[in-house]
Amino acid sequence: MNLDAKRLLDEGHLHRNYALVTFLILVISIISSLLGAMGNVVFQVITSISVVFALVFLFGQLILVIMYVDKETEIGWILHRMAYAVLFLLMLSALLMSLTTYLFAFYVLGEYSLQANALMPSITLTIALSFGMCLSSVSYYSIQLQDIWKFSFAS
């Protein structure tokens, strides 16, 4: 484990920041629910923007892991397989989003098709992003960021 990462965890700054972000999300959701439909729209817009940023950062991290992690080591082999699995899940979620939008647009099942149209993409995207967060945490403890910058600027 990286000593700086261990020191960061021991100091508790990470836990305080996590608690602060969780508290802010809770406050925003309570305020938006008090504002009614407009508040829910604002909360959904904020959530959508954060998901788009998370996907962009996740693709950047996948590219870094696939290109610069040494596959010959045990942890590098695990990270490579995990990065490809996350990439596969992201492609699968994009495919499921487009397929459910297309299939349930016919309104075959009545009102339940509209619920499935909204539910299936969010489920698949949540699964893909949770695998991405797992990849991020494993990469954080096993990859030295200095090594990646050294490799990328050497070429």
N, C-alpha and C. Protein backbone atom coordinates (compact mmCIF):
# COMPACT_ATOMS: atom_id res chain seq x y z
N MET A 1 0.85 -1.18 0.00
CA MET A 1 0.00 0.00 0.00
C MET A 1 0.89 1.23 0.00
N ASN A 2 0.48 2.21 -0.72
CA ASN A 2 1.19 3.47 -0.78
C ASN A 2 1.15 4.13 0.61
N LEU A 3 2.31 4.58 1.10
CA LEU A 3 2.37 5.16 2.44
C LEU A 3 1.60 6.47 2.52
N ASP A 4 1.61 7.26 1.46
CA ASP A 4 0.82 8.50 1.47
C ASP A 4 -0.67 8.20 1.55
N ALA A 5 -1.10 7.16 0.85
CA ALA A 5 -2.52 6.78 0.90
C ALA A 5 -2.89 6.29 2.29
N LYS A 6 -1.98 5.52 2.91
CA LYS A 6 -2.26 5.03 4.27
C LYS A 6 -2.31 6.19 5.25
N ARG A 7 -1.42 7.13 5.10
CA ARG A 7 -1.42 8.30 5.98
C ARG A 7 -2.69 9.12 5.79
N LEU A 8 -3.14 9.24 4.54
CA LEU A 8 -4.38 9.96 4.27
C LEU A 8 -5.57 9.29 4.95
N LEU A 9 -5.61 7.97 4.91
CA LEU A 9 -6.70 7.26 5.56
C LEU A 9 -6.62 7.37 7.08
N ASP A 10 -5.41 7.33 7.61
CA ASP A 10 -5.25 7.40 9.07
C ASP A 10 -5.60 8.77 9.63
N GLU A 11 -5.36 9.83 8.86
CA GLU A 11 -5.64 11.18 9.37
C GLU A 11 -7.13 11.47 9.46
N GLY A 12 -7.94 10.81 8.69
CA GLY A 12 -9.37 11.00 8.77
C GLY A 12 -9.94 12.09 7.90
N HIS A 13 -9.10 12.75 7.09
CA HIS A 13 -9.62 13.80 6.21
C HIS A 13 -10.58 13.21 5.18
N LEU A 14 -10.26 12.01 4.72
CA LEU A 14 -11.11 11.37 3.71
C LEU A 14 -12.50 11.10 4.27
N HIS A 15 -12.56 10.65 5.52
CA HIS A 15 -13.85 10.36 6.13
C HIS A 15 -14.66 11.64 6.36
N ARG A 16 -13.98 12.70 6.77
CA ARG A 16 -14.67 13.98 6.96
C ARG A 16 -15.21 14.52 5.64
N ASN A 17 -14.40 14.43 4.59
CA ASN A 17 -14.85 14.91 3.28
C ASN A 17 -16.02 14.08 2.78
N TYR A 18 -15.95 12.77 2.99
CA TYR A 18 -17.05 11.90 2.57
C TYR A 18 -18.32 12.23 3.35
N ALA A 19 -18.19 12.48 4.65
CA ALA A 19 -19.36 12.84 5.46
C ALA A 19 -19.93 14.18 5.03
N LEU A 20 -19.06 15.13 4.68
CA LEU A 20 -19.53 16.44 4.23
C LEU A 20 -20.29 16.34 2.91
N VAL A 21 -19.75 15.57 1.96
CA VAL A 21 -20.42 15.40 0.67
C VAL A 21 -21.76 14.69 0.85
N THR A 22 -21.78 13.66 1.70
CA THR A 22 -23.03 12.95 1.97
C THR A 22 -24.06 13.88 2.60
N PHE A 23 -23.62 14.72 3.54
CA PHE A 23 -24.52 15.67 4.18
C PHE A 23 -25.06 16.68 3.18
N LEU A 24 -24.19 17.18 2.29
CA LEU A 24 -24.64 18.14 1.28
C LEU A 24 -25.66 17.52 0.33
N ILE A 25 -25.43 16.26 -0.06
CA ILE A 25 -26.40 15.59 -0.94
C ILE A 25 -27.73 15.43 -0.23
N LEU A 26 -27.69 15.09 1.06
CA LEU A 26 -28.92 14.95 1.83
C LEU A 26 -29.66 16.28 1.94
N VAL A 27 -28.93 17.35 2.22
CA VAL A 27 -29.56 18.67 2.34
C VAL A 27 -30.15 19.12 1.00
N ILE A 28 -29.42 18.90 -0.08
CA ILE A 28 -29.93 19.27 -1.40
C ILE A 28 -31.18 18.48 -1.74
N SER A 29 -31.19 17.19 -1.41
CA SER A 29 -32.38 16.39 -1.72
C SER A 29 -33.57 16.81 -0.88
N ILE A 30 -33.34 17.17 0.40
CA ILE A 30 -34.45 17.63 1.24
C ILE A 30 -34.99 18.97 0.74
N ILE A 31 -34.09 19.90 0.41
CA ILE A 31 -34.54 21.20 -0.10
C ILE A 31 -35.27 21.04 -1.43
N SER A 32 -34.75 20.17 -2.29
CA SER A 32 -35.43 19.98 -3.58
C SER A 32 -36.78 19.32 -3.41
N SER A 33 -36.93 18.43 -2.42
CA SER A 33 -38.25 17.83 -2.21
C SER A 33 -39.23 18.85 -1.63
N LEU A 34 -38.73 19.82 -0.87
CA LEU A 34 -39.60 20.87 -0.36
C LEU A 34 -40.07 21.81 -1.46
N LEU A 35 -39.27 21.94 -2.51
CA LEU A 35 -39.63 22.82 -3.61
C LEU A 35 -40.60 22.18 -4.59
N GLY A 36 -40.88 20.91 -4.40
CA GLY A 36 -41.86 20.24 -5.26
C GLY A 36 -41.25 19.74 -6.55
N ALA A 37 -42.02 19.82 -7.61
CA ALA A 37 -41.60 19.27 -8.90
C ALA A 37 -40.38 19.99 -9.46
N MET A 38 -40.32 21.29 -9.28
CA MET A 38 -39.16 22.04 -9.78
C MET A 38 -37.89 21.64 -9.05
N GLY A 39 -38.00 21.39 -7.76
CA GLY A 39 -36.84 20.94 -7.00
C GLY A 39 -36.37 19.57 -7.43
N ASN A 40 -37.31 18.69 -7.76
CA ASN A 40 -36.93 17.36 -8.25
C ASN A 40 -36.24 17.45 -9.60
N VAL A 41 -36.69 18.36 -10.44
CA VAL A 41 -36.04 18.55 -11.74
C VAL A 41 -34.62 19.07 -11.55
N VAL A 42 -34.45 20.02 -10.64
CA VAL A 42 -33.11 20.56 -10.37
C VAL A 42 -32.20 19.47 -9.83
N PHE A 43 -32.70 18.64 -8.91
CA PHE A 43 -31.90 17.56 -8.34
C PHE A 43 -31.53 16.54 -9.41
N GLN A 44 -32.45 16.24 -10.32
CA GLN A 44 -32.14 15.30 -11.39
C GLN A 44 -31.12 15.87 -12.36
N VAL A 45 -31.17 17.16 -12.61
CA VAL A 45 -30.18 17.79 -13.49
C VAL A 45 -28.80 17.74 -12.86
N ILE A 46 -28.71 18.05 -11.56
CA ILE A 46 -27.42 17.98 -10.86
C ILE A 46 -26.88 16.56 -10.88
N THR A 47 -27.74 15.59 -10.65
CA THR A 47 -27.32 14.19 -10.66
C THR A 47 -26.86 13.78 -12.05
N SER A 48 -27.56 14.19 -13.08
CA SER A 48 -27.18 13.83 -14.44
C SER A 48 -25.83 14.43 -14.82
N ILE A 49 -25.60 15.67 -14.44
CA ILE A 49 -24.32 16.30 -14.74
C ILE A 49 -23.18 15.58 -14.02
N SER A 50 -23.40 15.19 -12.77
CA SER A 50 -22.35 14.48 -12.03
C SER A 50 -22.09 13.10 -12.62
N VAL A 51 -23.12 12.43 -13.12
CA VAL A 51 -22.92 11.12 -13.76
C VAL A 51 -22.13 11.28 -15.05
N VAL A 52 -22.40 12.32 -15.82
CA VAL A 52 -21.64 12.55 -17.05
C VAL A 52 -20.17 12.81 -16.74
N PHE A 53 -19.89 13.64 -15.72
CA PHE A 53 -18.50 13.87 -15.32
C PHE A 53 -17.84 12.58 -14.82
N ALA A 54 -18.58 11.78 -14.07
CA ALA A 54 -18.03 10.52 -13.58
C ALA A 54 -17.68 9.58 -14.73
N LEU A 55 -18.52 9.54 -15.75
CA LEU A 55 -18.21 8.70 -16.91
C LEU A 55 -16.98 9.17 -17.65
N VAL A 56 -16.82 10.47 -17.80
CA VAL A 56 -15.63 11.01 -18.48
C VAL A 56 -14.37 10.66 -17.70
N PHE A 57 -14.40 10.86 -16.38
CA PHE A 57 -13.24 10.51 -15.56
C PHE A 57 -12.98 9.01 -15.55
N LEU A 58 -14.05 8.21 -15.59
CA LEU A 58 -13.89 6.76 -15.60
C LEU A 58 -13.23 6.30 -16.89
N PHE A 59 -13.62 6.87 -18.03
CA PHE A 59 -12.97 6.51 -19.28
C PHE A 59 -11.49 6.91 -19.27
N GLY A 60 -11.18 8.07 -18.72
CA GLY A 60 -9.78 8.46 -18.60
C GLY A 60 -8.99 7.51 -17.73
N GLN A 61 -9.58 7.08 -16.64
CA GLN A 61 -8.89 6.14 -15.77
C GLN A 61 -8.73 4.78 -16.43
N LEU A 62 -9.75 4.35 -17.18
CA LEU A 62 -9.63 3.07 -17.89
C LEU A 62 -8.49 3.12 -18.90
N ILE A 63 -8.37 4.22 -19.61
CA ILE A 63 -7.28 4.35 -20.58
C ILE A 63 -5.93 4.31 -19.88
N LEU A 64 -5.80 5.03 -18.76
CA LEU A 64 -4.54 5.00 -18.02
C LEU A 64 -4.20 3.60 -17.52
N VAL A 65 -5.18 2.90 -16.98
CA VAL A 65 -4.92 1.56 -16.44
C VAL A 65 -4.56 0.60 -17.56
N ILE A 66 -5.29 0.65 -18.66
CA ILE A 66 -5.02 -0.29 -19.75
C ILE A 66 -3.66 -0.01 -20.39
N MET A 67 -3.29 1.25 -20.52
CA MET A 67 -2.05 1.57 -21.22
C MET A 67 -0.80 1.46 -20.36
N TYR A 68 -0.87 1.82 -19.08
CA TYR A 68 0.36 2.00 -18.31
C TYR A 68 0.57 1.03 -17.16
N VAL A 69 -0.36 0.15 -16.88
CA VAL A 69 -0.16 -0.79 -15.78
C VAL A 69 0.59 -2.00 -16.32
N ASP A 70 1.56 -2.46 -15.55
CA ASP A 70 2.37 -3.61 -15.93
C ASP A 70 1.55 -4.89 -15.78
N LYS A 71 1.32 -5.59 -16.89
CA LYS A 71 0.50 -6.80 -16.86
C LYS A 71 1.24 -8.00 -16.27
N GLU A 72 2.53 -7.88 -16.13
CA GLU A 72 3.32 -9.02 -15.65
C GLU A 72 3.21 -9.23 -14.15
N THR A 73 2.89 -8.18 -13.41
CA THR A 73 2.74 -8.33 -11.96
C THR A 73 1.34 -8.86 -11.65
N GLU A 74 1.19 -9.37 -10.42
CA GLU A 74 -0.09 -9.96 -10.05
C GLU A 74 -1.19 -8.91 -9.96
N ILE A 75 -0.90 -7.79 -9.32
CA ILE A 75 -1.91 -6.74 -9.19
C ILE A 75 -2.18 -6.07 -10.53
N GLY A 76 -1.16 -5.97 -11.38
CA GLY A 76 -1.37 -5.41 -12.70
C GLY A 76 -2.27 -6.28 -13.56
N TRP A 77 -2.12 -7.60 -13.42
CA TRP A 77 -2.98 -8.53 -14.16
C TRP A 77 -4.43 -8.37 -13.71
N ILE A 78 -4.62 -8.23 -12.39
CA ILE A 78 -5.98 -8.05 -11.85
C ILE A 78 -6.56 -6.72 -12.33
N LEU A 79 -5.76 -5.65 -12.29
CA LEU A 79 -6.24 -4.34 -12.73
C LEU A 79 -6.61 -4.33 -14.21
N HIS A 80 -5.80 -5.01 -15.03
CA HIS A 80 -6.10 -5.08 -16.45
C HIS A 80 -7.42 -5.78 -16.70
N ARG A 81 -7.61 -6.93 -16.06
CA ARG A 81 -8.86 -7.67 -16.25
C ARG A 81 -10.05 -6.86 -15.74
N MET A 82 -9.85 -6.18 -14.63
CA MET A 82 -10.93 -5.38 -14.06
C MET A 82 -11.27 -4.19 -14.96
N ALA A 83 -10.24 -3.57 -15.55
CA ALA A 83 -10.49 -2.44 -16.46
C ALA A 83 -11.26 -2.90 -17.69
N TYR A 84 -10.89 -4.05 -18.23
CA TYR A 84 -11.64 -4.55 -19.38
C TYR A 84 -13.06 -4.95 -19.00
N ALA A 85 -13.26 -5.47 -17.79
CA ALA A 85 -14.61 -5.81 -17.34
C ALA A 85 -15.46 -4.55 -17.19
N VAL A 86 -14.88 -3.49 -16.65
CA VAL A 86 -15.62 -2.23 -16.51
C VAL A 86 -15.94 -1.65 -17.89
N LEU A 87 -15.00 -1.74 -18.81
CA LEU A 87 -15.25 -1.25 -20.16
C LEU A 87 -16.37 -2.05 -20.83
N PHE A 88 -16.37 -3.37 -20.63
CA PHE A 88 -17.44 -4.21 -21.16
C PHE A 88 -18.79 -3.84 -20.53
N LEU A 89 -18.80 -3.60 -19.22
CA LEU A 89 -20.05 -3.22 -18.56
C LEU A 89 -20.56 -1.87 -19.04
N LEU A 90 -19.66 -0.93 -19.30
CA LEU A 90 -20.09 0.37 -19.83
C LEU A 90 -20.69 0.23 -21.22
N MET A 91 -20.08 -0.62 -22.06
CA MET A 91 -20.65 -0.84 -23.38
C MET A 91 -22.00 -1.56 -23.29
N LEU A 92 -22.09 -2.52 -22.36
CA LEU A 92 -23.35 -3.24 -22.17
C LEU A 92 -24.44 -2.31 -21.66
N SER A 93 -24.08 -1.41 -20.75
CA SER A 93 -25.10 -0.48 -20.24
C SER A 93 -25.55 0.48 -21.33
N ALA A 94 -24.64 0.93 -22.19
CA ALA A 94 -25.04 1.80 -23.30
C ALA A 94 -25.96 1.05 -24.26
N LEU A 95 -25.64 -0.22 -24.51
CA LEU A 95 -26.49 -1.03 -25.39
C LEU A 95 -27.86 -1.25 -24.76
N LEU A 96 -27.90 -1.55 -23.47
CA LEU A 96 -29.18 -1.76 -22.80
C LEU A 96 -30.01 -0.47 -22.74
N MET A 97 -29.34 0.66 -22.58
CA MET A 97 -30.08 1.93 -22.58
C MET A 97 -30.76 2.16 -23.92
N SER A 98 -30.02 1.95 -24.99
CA SER A 98 -30.61 2.19 -26.31
C SER A 98 -31.66 1.14 -26.64
N LEU A 99 -31.43 -0.13 -26.25
CA LEU A 99 -32.42 -1.16 -26.53
C LEU A 99 -33.71 -0.97 -25.75
N THR A 100 -33.60 -0.63 -24.47
CA THR A 100 -34.82 -0.43 -23.70
C THR A 100 -35.59 0.79 -24.17
N THR A 101 -34.87 1.82 -24.56
CA THR A 101 -35.56 2.99 -25.10
C THR A 101 -36.30 2.64 -26.39
N TYR A 102 -35.67 1.82 -27.22
CA TYR A 102 -36.31 1.42 -28.47
C TYR A 102 -37.47 0.46 -28.23
N LEU A 103 -37.25 -0.57 -27.41
CA LEU A 103 -38.28 -1.58 -27.21
C LEU A 103 -39.50 -1.06 -26.48
N PHE A 104 -39.27 -0.27 -25.44
CA PHE A 104 -40.41 0.19 -24.65
C PHE A 104 -41.05 1.45 -25.24
N ALA A 105 -40.54 1.93 -26.36
CA ALA A 105 -41.17 3.08 -27.01
C ALA A 105 -42.46 2.68 -27.71
N PHE A 106 -42.66 1.38 -27.90
CA PHE A 106 -43.87 0.93 -28.58
C PHE A 106 -45.08 0.92 -27.67
N TYR A 107 -44.88 1.09 -26.38
CA TYR A 107 -45.98 1.18 -25.41
C TYR A 107 -46.81 -0.11 -25.42
N VAL A 108 -46.11 -1.25 -25.47
CA VAL A 108 -46.78 -2.54 -25.56
C VAL A 108 -47.42 -2.92 -24.23
N LEU A 109 -46.73 -2.65 -23.14
CA LEU A 109 -47.19 -3.10 -21.84
C LEU A 109 -47.97 -2.04 -21.07
N GLY A 110 -48.37 -1.00 -21.71
CA GLY A 110 -49.10 0.05 -21.01
C GLY A 110 -48.17 0.94 -20.23
N GLU A 111 -48.60 1.35 -19.06
CA GLU A 111 -47.79 2.28 -18.28
C GLU A 111 -46.54 1.64 -17.71
N TYR A 112 -46.53 0.31 -17.58
CA TYR A 112 -45.35 -0.36 -17.04
C TYR A 112 -44.16 -0.24 -17.99
N SER A 113 -44.41 -0.11 -19.28
CA SER A 113 -43.31 0.03 -20.22
C SER A 113 -42.58 1.35 -20.01
N LEU A 114 -43.30 2.39 -19.64
CA LEU A 114 -42.65 3.67 -19.37
C LEU A 114 -41.78 3.59 -18.12
N GLN A 115 -42.24 2.85 -17.12
CA GLN A 115 -41.43 2.67 -15.91
C GLN A 115 -40.19 1.86 -16.21
N ALA A 116 -40.32 0.81 -17.02
CA ALA A 116 -39.16 0.01 -17.39
C ALA A 116 -38.19 0.81 -18.23
N ASN A 117 -38.72 1.69 -19.06
CA ASN A 117 -37.87 2.55 -19.89
C ASN A 117 -37.02 3.46 -19.03
N ALA A 118 -37.54 3.90 -17.91
CA ALA A 118 -36.77 4.75 -17.00
C ALA A 118 -35.89 3.94 -16.06
N LEU A 119 -36.31 2.73 -15.73
CA LEU A 119 -35.62 1.96 -14.70
C LEU A 119 -34.41 1.19 -15.23
N MET A 120 -34.52 0.55 -16.38
CA MET A 120 -33.45 -0.31 -16.88
C MET A 120 -32.14 0.44 -17.15
N PRO A 121 -32.17 1.60 -17.81
CA PRO A 121 -30.89 2.31 -18.00
C PRO A 121 -30.25 2.74 -16.69
N SER A 122 -31.04 3.14 -15.73
CA SER A 122 -30.45 3.57 -14.46
C SER A 122 -29.84 2.40 -13.71
N ILE A 123 -30.46 1.22 -13.80
CA ILE A 123 -29.90 0.04 -13.13
C ILE A 123 -28.57 -0.34 -13.77
N THR A 124 -28.52 -0.40 -15.10
CA THR A 124 -27.28 -0.82 -15.75
C THR A 124 -26.18 0.21 -15.56
N LEU A 125 -26.52 1.50 -15.60
CA LEU A 125 -25.51 2.53 -15.39
C LEU A 125 -25.00 2.51 -13.96
N THR A 126 -25.87 2.24 -13.00
CA THR A 126 -25.45 2.13 -11.61
C THR A 126 -24.50 0.96 -11.41
N ILE A 127 -24.78 -0.16 -12.04
CA ILE A 127 -23.89 -1.32 -11.94
C ILE A 127 -22.53 -0.99 -12.55
N ALA A 128 -22.52 -0.37 -13.72
CA ALA A 128 -21.25 -0.03 -14.38
C ALA A 128 -20.45 0.97 -13.56
N LEU A 129 -21.11 1.98 -13.00
CA LEU A 129 -20.38 2.98 -12.20
C LEU A 129 -19.91 2.40 -10.88
N SER A 130 -20.63 1.44 -10.31
CA SER A 130 -20.14 0.82 -9.07
C SER A 130 -18.89 -0.01 -9.34
N PHE A 131 -18.84 -0.70 -10.48
CA PHE A 131 -17.61 -1.40 -10.85
C PHE A 131 -16.48 -0.40 -11.10
N GLY A 132 -16.81 0.74 -11.68
CA GLY A 132 -15.80 1.78 -11.90
C GLY A 132 -15.26 2.34 -10.60
N MET A 133 -16.13 2.51 -9.60
CA MET A 133 -15.66 2.98 -8.29
C MET A 133 -14.76 1.94 -7.63
N CYS A 134 -15.10 0.67 -7.81
CA CYS A 134 -14.26 -0.39 -7.27
C CYS A 134 -12.89 -0.37 -7.95
N LEU A 135 -12.87 -0.19 -9.26
CA LEU A 135 -11.60 -0.08 -9.99
C LEU A 135 -10.81 1.13 -9.50
N SER A 136 -11.48 2.23 -9.23
CA SER A 136 -10.80 3.43 -8.74
C SER A 136 -10.15 3.19 -7.39
N SER A 137 -10.87 2.52 -6.50
CA SER A 137 -10.30 2.28 -5.17
C SER A 137 -9.13 1.32 -5.23
N VAL A 138 -9.22 0.28 -6.05
CA VAL A 138 -8.10 -0.66 -6.18
C VAL A 138 -6.91 0.03 -6.83
N SER A 139 -7.17 0.85 -7.85
CA SER A 139 -6.08 1.57 -8.52
C SER A 139 -5.42 2.57 -7.58
N TYR A 140 -6.20 3.19 -6.72
CA TYR A 140 -5.66 4.20 -5.81
C TYR A 140 -4.64 3.59 -4.86
N TYR A 141 -4.89 2.37 -4.41
CA TYR A 141 -3.98 1.75 -3.45
C TYR A 141 -2.85 0.98 -4.11
N SER A 142 -2.92 0.74 -5.41
CA SER A 142 -1.91 -0.12 -6.01
C SER A 142 -1.06 0.56 -7.08
N ILE A 143 -1.47 1.68 -7.61
CA ILE A 143 -0.71 2.34 -8.67
C ILE A 143 -0.09 3.61 -8.12
N GLN A 144 1.19 3.78 -8.37
CA GLN A 144 1.86 5.03 -8.03
C GLN A 144 1.59 6.03 -9.14
N LEU A 145 1.00 7.15 -8.81
CA LEU A 145 0.64 8.14 -9.82
C LEU A 145 1.89 8.72 -10.49
N GLN A 146 2.98 8.80 -9.75
CA GLN A 146 4.21 9.32 -10.32
C GLN A 146 4.70 8.44 -11.46
N ASP A 147 4.52 7.12 -11.33
CA ASP A 147 4.96 6.21 -12.38
C ASP A 147 4.16 6.42 -13.66
N ILE A 148 2.87 6.67 -13.52
CA ILE A 148 2.03 6.88 -14.70
C ILE A 148 2.43 8.17 -15.41
N TRP A 149 2.69 9.25 -14.64
CA TRP A 149 3.11 10.49 -15.28
C TRP A 149 4.47 10.32 -15.93
N LYS A 150 5.35 9.54 -15.30
CA LYS A 150 6.67 9.30 -15.87
C LYS A 150 6.54 8.58 -17.21
N PHE A 151 5.66 7.57 -17.28
CA PHE A 151 5.47 6.84 -18.53
C PHE A 151 4.83 7.71 -19.60
N SER A 152 3.87 8.53 -19.22
CA SER A 152 3.14 9.29 -20.23
C SER A 152 3.98 10.43 -20.79
N PHE A 153 4.84 11.04 -19.98
CA PHE A 153 5.65 12.14 -20.49
C PHE A 153 6.94 11.67 -21.14
N ALA A 154 7.31 10.40 -20.96
CA ALA A 154 8.53 9.90 -21.56
C ALA A 154 8.39 9.72 -23.06
N SER A 155 7.17 9.48 -23.52
CA SER A 155 7.01 9.22 -24.96
C SER A 155 6.92 10.49 -25.77
